[in-house]
Amino acid sequence: MIDFYSKLRYDFSDLCELVRVLRAPDGCPWDSSQTHESIRRNFLEEAYEACEAIDQKDPVHLREELGDVLLHVVFHAGIETDAGNFT
């Protein structure tokens, strides 16, 4: 497991590992119980917020919202990985 506290910078593999740890049987009960359907609305909301940031030409807000969208993409991929559908 990655020692997240000792890192100065984080990359995409750290995000994937964090989602894996949270969804593990001994991880966070809320995260491990989520399904595509249960977080679908949140995913859509984050995508709309990213679009709003684009419309507002606000790069700071866009960076934040794209991070949220990316988290959802990784989370949905984690659900499929756990189901044995993604490798």
N, C-alpha and C. Protein backbone atom coordinates (compact mmCIF):
# COMPACT_ATOMS: atom_id res chain seq x y z
N MET A 1 0.84 -1.19 0.00
CA MET A 1 0.00 0.00 0.00
C MET A 1 0.88 1.25 0.00
N ILE A 2 0.42 2.27 -0.66
CA ILE A 2 1.16 3.52 -0.76
C ILE A 2 1.00 4.32 0.53
N ASP A 3 2.11 4.87 1.00
CA ASP A 3 2.05 5.78 2.15
C ASP A 3 1.71 7.17 1.62
N PHE A 4 0.42 7.46 1.56
CA PHE A 4 -0.02 8.71 0.95
C PHE A 4 0.47 9.94 1.71
N TYR A 5 0.75 9.82 2.98
CA TYR A 5 1.18 10.97 3.77
C TYR A 5 2.61 11.40 3.46
N SER A 6 3.43 10.47 2.98
CA SER A 6 4.84 10.80 2.77
C SER A 6 5.13 11.36 1.38
N LYS A 7 4.13 11.39 0.51
CA LYS A 7 4.35 11.86 -0.85
C LYS A 7 4.22 13.37 -0.94
N LEU A 8 5.07 13.96 -1.76
CA LEU A 8 4.99 15.39 -2.01
C LEU A 8 4.06 15.70 -3.17
N ARG A 9 3.96 14.77 -4.12
CA ARG A 9 3.10 14.92 -5.29
C ARG A 9 2.37 13.61 -5.53
N TYR A 10 1.25 13.71 -6.16
CA TYR A 10 0.44 12.53 -6.46
C TYR A 10 0.21 12.46 -7.96
N ASP A 11 0.05 11.23 -8.46
CA ASP A 11 -0.21 11.05 -9.88
C ASP A 11 -1.43 10.15 -10.09
N PHE A 12 -1.71 9.84 -11.34
CA PHE A 12 -2.90 9.08 -11.68
C PHE A 12 -2.90 7.71 -11.01
N SER A 13 -1.75 7.07 -10.94
CA SER A 13 -1.69 5.74 -10.30
C SER A 13 -2.04 5.84 -8.81
N ASP A 14 -1.71 6.95 -8.17
CA ASP A 14 -2.09 7.14 -6.77
C ASP A 14 -3.61 7.24 -6.63
N LEU A 15 -4.25 7.92 -7.56
CA LEU A 15 -5.71 8.03 -7.54
C LEU A 15 -6.34 6.65 -7.69
N CYS A 16 -5.82 5.87 -8.64
CA CYS A 16 -6.35 4.51 -8.85
C CYS A 16 -6.15 3.66 -7.60
N GLU A 17 -4.99 3.77 -6.97
CA GLU A 17 -4.71 3.00 -5.76
C GLU A 17 -5.62 3.44 -4.62
N LEU A 18 -5.85 4.73 -4.48
CA LEU A 18 -6.73 5.23 -3.43
C LEU A 18 -8.14 4.67 -3.59
N VAL A 19 -8.66 4.68 -4.80
CA VAL A 19 -9.99 4.13 -5.05
C VAL A 19 -10.00 2.63 -4.74
N ARG A 20 -8.93 1.92 -5.12
CA ARG A 20 -8.85 0.49 -4.84
C ARG A 20 -8.88 0.24 -3.33
N VAL A 21 -8.11 1.01 -2.57
CA VAL A 21 -8.06 0.87 -1.11
C VAL A 21 -9.43 1.17 -0.50
N LEU A 22 -10.07 2.22 -0.95
CA LEU A 22 -11.38 2.58 -0.40
C LEU A 22 -12.44 1.53 -0.70
N ARG A 23 -12.35 0.88 -1.87
CA ARG A 23 -13.36 -0.10 -2.27
C ARG A 23 -13.03 -1.51 -1.79
N ALA A 24 -11.87 -1.71 -1.20
CA ALA A 24 -11.47 -3.04 -0.72
C ALA A 24 -12.40 -3.51 0.40
N PRO A 25 -12.47 -4.83 0.62
CA PRO A 25 -13.34 -5.36 1.68
C PRO A 25 -13.08 -4.73 3.05
N ASP A 26 -11.83 -4.40 3.34
CA ASP A 26 -11.50 -3.77 4.62
C ASP A 26 -11.37 -2.25 4.50
N GLY A 27 -11.86 -1.70 3.39
CA GLY A 27 -11.81 -0.26 3.16
C GLY A 27 -13.04 0.43 3.71
N CYS A 28 -13.47 1.44 3.02
CA CYS A 28 -14.62 2.24 3.44
C CYS A 28 -15.93 1.54 3.06
N PRO A 29 -16.79 1.26 4.03
CA PRO A 29 -18.06 0.58 3.72
C PRO A 29 -18.92 1.35 2.71
N TRP A 30 -18.92 2.68 2.81
CA TRP A 30 -19.73 3.45 1.86
C TRP A 30 -19.20 3.28 0.44
N ASP A 31 -17.89 3.45 0.27
CA ASP A 31 -17.29 3.34 -1.07
C ASP A 31 -17.50 1.94 -1.65
N SER A 32 -17.30 0.92 -0.84
CA SER A 32 -17.40 -0.44 -1.36
C SER A 32 -18.84 -0.85 -1.68
N SER A 33 -19.81 -0.12 -1.15
CA SER A 33 -21.21 -0.47 -1.41
C SER A 33 -21.80 0.26 -2.62
N GLN A 34 -21.04 1.18 -3.19
CA GLN A 34 -21.57 1.97 -4.30
C GLN A 34 -21.64 1.16 -5.59
N THR A 35 -22.62 1.50 -6.41
CA THR A 35 -22.81 0.88 -7.72
C THR A 35 -22.82 2.00 -8.77
N HIS A 36 -22.78 1.60 -10.04
CA HIS A 36 -22.89 2.61 -11.09
C HIS A 36 -24.15 3.44 -10.90
N GLU A 37 -25.23 2.75 -10.58
CA GLU A 37 -26.52 3.43 -10.44
C GLU A 37 -26.55 4.37 -9.24
N SER A 38 -25.92 3.98 -8.14
CA SER A 38 -26.00 4.80 -6.93
C SER A 38 -25.20 6.09 -7.04
N ILE A 39 -24.18 6.12 -7.90
CA ILE A 39 -23.37 7.34 -8.05
C ILE A 39 -23.57 8.01 -9.40
N ARG A 40 -24.51 7.49 -10.19
CA ARG A 40 -24.76 8.05 -11.52
C ARG A 40 -25.12 9.53 -11.45
N ARG A 41 -26.01 9.89 -10.57
CA ARG A 41 -26.45 11.28 -10.46
C ARG A 41 -25.27 12.19 -10.08
N ASN A 42 -24.41 11.73 -9.16
CA ASN A 42 -23.24 12.53 -8.76
C ASN A 42 -22.30 12.74 -9.95
N PHE A 43 -22.11 11.69 -10.73
CA PHE A 43 -21.24 11.76 -11.91
C PHE A 43 -21.77 12.80 -12.89
N LEU A 44 -23.05 12.74 -13.15
CA LEU A 44 -23.68 13.68 -14.07
C LEU A 44 -23.58 15.11 -13.55
N GLU A 45 -23.78 15.28 -12.25
CA GLU A 45 -23.68 16.61 -11.64
C GLU A 45 -22.28 17.19 -11.82
N GLU A 46 -21.26 16.36 -11.59
CA GLU A 46 -19.88 16.83 -11.75
C GLU A 46 -19.58 17.19 -13.20
N ALA A 47 -20.12 16.42 -14.14
CA ALA A 47 -19.91 16.74 -15.55
C ALA A 47 -20.56 18.08 -15.91
N TYR A 48 -21.76 18.31 -15.41
CA TYR A 48 -22.42 19.60 -15.65
C TYR A 48 -21.64 20.75 -15.02
N GLU A 49 -21.08 20.53 -13.85
CA GLU A 49 -20.30 21.58 -13.20
C GLU A 49 -19.03 21.88 -14.00
N ALA A 50 -18.43 20.86 -14.59
CA ALA A 50 -17.27 21.09 -15.46
C ALA A 50 -17.68 21.91 -16.68
N CYS A 51 -18.84 21.60 -17.25
CA CYS A 51 -19.34 22.38 -18.39
C CYS A 51 -19.60 23.83 -18.01
N GLU A 52 -20.14 24.05 -16.83
CA GLU A 52 -20.37 25.41 -16.36
C GLU A 52 -19.06 26.18 -16.23
N ALA A 53 -18.03 25.51 -15.72
CA ALA A 53 -16.72 26.16 -15.59
C ALA A 53 -16.16 26.51 -16.96
N ILE A 54 -16.40 25.64 -17.95
CA ILE A 54 -15.97 25.94 -19.32
C ILE A 54 -16.71 27.17 -19.83
N ASP A 55 -18.02 27.18 -19.64
CA ASP A 55 -18.84 28.31 -20.10
C ASP A 55 -18.41 29.62 -19.43
N GLN A 56 -18.00 29.54 -18.18
CA GLN A 56 -17.59 30.73 -17.42
C GLN A 56 -16.13 31.11 -17.69
N LYS A 57 -15.45 30.26 -18.47
CA LYS A 57 -14.02 30.49 -18.77
C LYS A 57 -13.22 30.66 -17.47
N ASP A 58 -13.50 29.77 -16.53
CA ASP A 58 -12.88 29.82 -15.21
C ASP A 58 -11.94 28.62 -15.05
N PRO A 59 -10.65 28.79 -15.36
CA PRO A 59 -9.73 27.65 -15.32
C PRO A 59 -9.53 27.05 -13.93
N VAL A 60 -9.61 27.86 -12.90
CA VAL A 60 -9.44 27.33 -11.54
C VAL A 60 -10.61 26.41 -11.20
N HIS A 61 -11.81 26.86 -11.48
CA HIS A 61 -13.00 26.04 -11.22
C HIS A 61 -13.00 24.81 -12.13
N LEU A 62 -12.58 24.97 -13.38
CA LEU A 62 -12.53 23.85 -14.32
C LEU A 62 -11.57 22.77 -13.81
N ARG A 63 -10.40 23.18 -13.31
CA ARG A 63 -9.44 22.20 -12.79
C ARG A 63 -10.07 21.39 -11.66
N GLU A 64 -10.78 22.06 -10.77
CA GLU A 64 -11.44 21.38 -9.66
C GLU A 64 -12.50 20.40 -10.16
N GLU A 65 -13.32 20.86 -11.08
CA GLU A 65 -14.41 20.00 -11.57
C GLU A 65 -13.90 18.85 -12.42
N LEU A 66 -12.85 19.07 -13.21
CA LEU A 66 -12.28 17.96 -13.97
C LEU A 66 -11.68 16.92 -13.04
N GLY A 67 -11.14 17.35 -11.91
CA GLY A 67 -10.66 16.40 -10.91
C GLY A 67 -11.80 15.56 -10.37
N ASP A 68 -12.94 16.18 -10.14
CA ASP A 68 -14.12 15.44 -9.66
C ASP A 68 -14.60 14.44 -10.71
N VAL A 69 -14.62 14.88 -11.99
CA VAL A 69 -15.04 13.97 -13.07
C VAL A 69 -14.06 12.81 -13.17
N LEU A 70 -12.77 13.10 -13.08
CA LEU A 70 -11.76 12.04 -13.15
C LEU A 70 -11.94 11.03 -12.02
N LEU A 71 -12.21 11.52 -10.83
CA LEU A 71 -12.46 10.61 -9.70
C LEU A 71 -13.62 9.68 -10.02
N HIS A 72 -14.67 10.22 -10.59
CA HIS A 72 -15.83 9.38 -10.94
C HIS A 72 -15.48 8.36 -12.01
N VAL A 73 -14.70 8.75 -13.01
CA VAL A 73 -14.29 7.80 -14.04
C VAL A 73 -13.51 6.65 -13.42
N VAL A 74 -12.56 6.98 -12.55
CA VAL A 74 -11.76 5.95 -11.89
C VAL A 74 -12.64 5.10 -10.97
N PHE A 75 -13.58 5.71 -10.30
CA PHE A 75 -14.46 4.97 -9.40
C PHE A 75 -15.32 3.99 -10.19
N HIS A 76 -15.90 4.45 -11.30
CA HIS A 76 -16.72 3.55 -12.14
C HIS A 76 -15.85 2.43 -12.70
N ALA A 77 -14.63 2.74 -13.11
CA ALA A 77 -13.72 1.69 -13.59
C ALA A 77 -13.40 0.71 -12.47
N GLY A 78 -13.28 1.20 -11.24
CA GLY A 78 -13.03 0.31 -10.10
C GLY A 78 -14.18 -0.64 -9.86
N ILE A 79 -15.39 -0.18 -10.04
CA ILE A 79 -16.56 -1.06 -9.89
C ILE A 79 -16.47 -2.19 -10.90
N GLU A 80 -16.14 -1.85 -12.14
CA GLU A 80 -16.03 -2.89 -13.18
C GLU A 80 -14.83 -3.80 -12.95
N THR A 81 -13.74 -3.26 -12.45
CA THR A 81 -12.58 -4.09 -12.13
C THR A 81 -12.94 -5.09 -11.05
N ASP A 82 -13.63 -4.62 -10.01
CA ASP A 82 -14.05 -5.52 -8.93
C ASP A 82 -14.99 -6.61 -9.43
N ALA A 83 -15.78 -6.30 -10.45
CA ALA A 83 -16.72 -7.28 -11.01
C ALA A 83 -16.03 -8.24 -11.99
N GLY A 84 -14.75 -8.00 -12.26
CA GLY A 84 -14.01 -8.86 -13.17
C GLY A 84 -14.18 -8.51 -14.64
N ASN A 85 -14.78 -7.36 -14.92
CA ASN A 85 -15.03 -6.96 -16.30
C ASN A 85 -13.92 -6.10 -16.90
N PHE A 86 -13.12 -5.45 -16.06
CA PHE A 86 -11.97 -4.65 -16.52
C PHE A 86 -10.72 -5.24 -15.89
N THR A 87 -9.60 -5.06 -16.57
CA THR A 87 -8.32 -5.53 -16.01
C THR A 87 -7.38 -4.36 -15.84
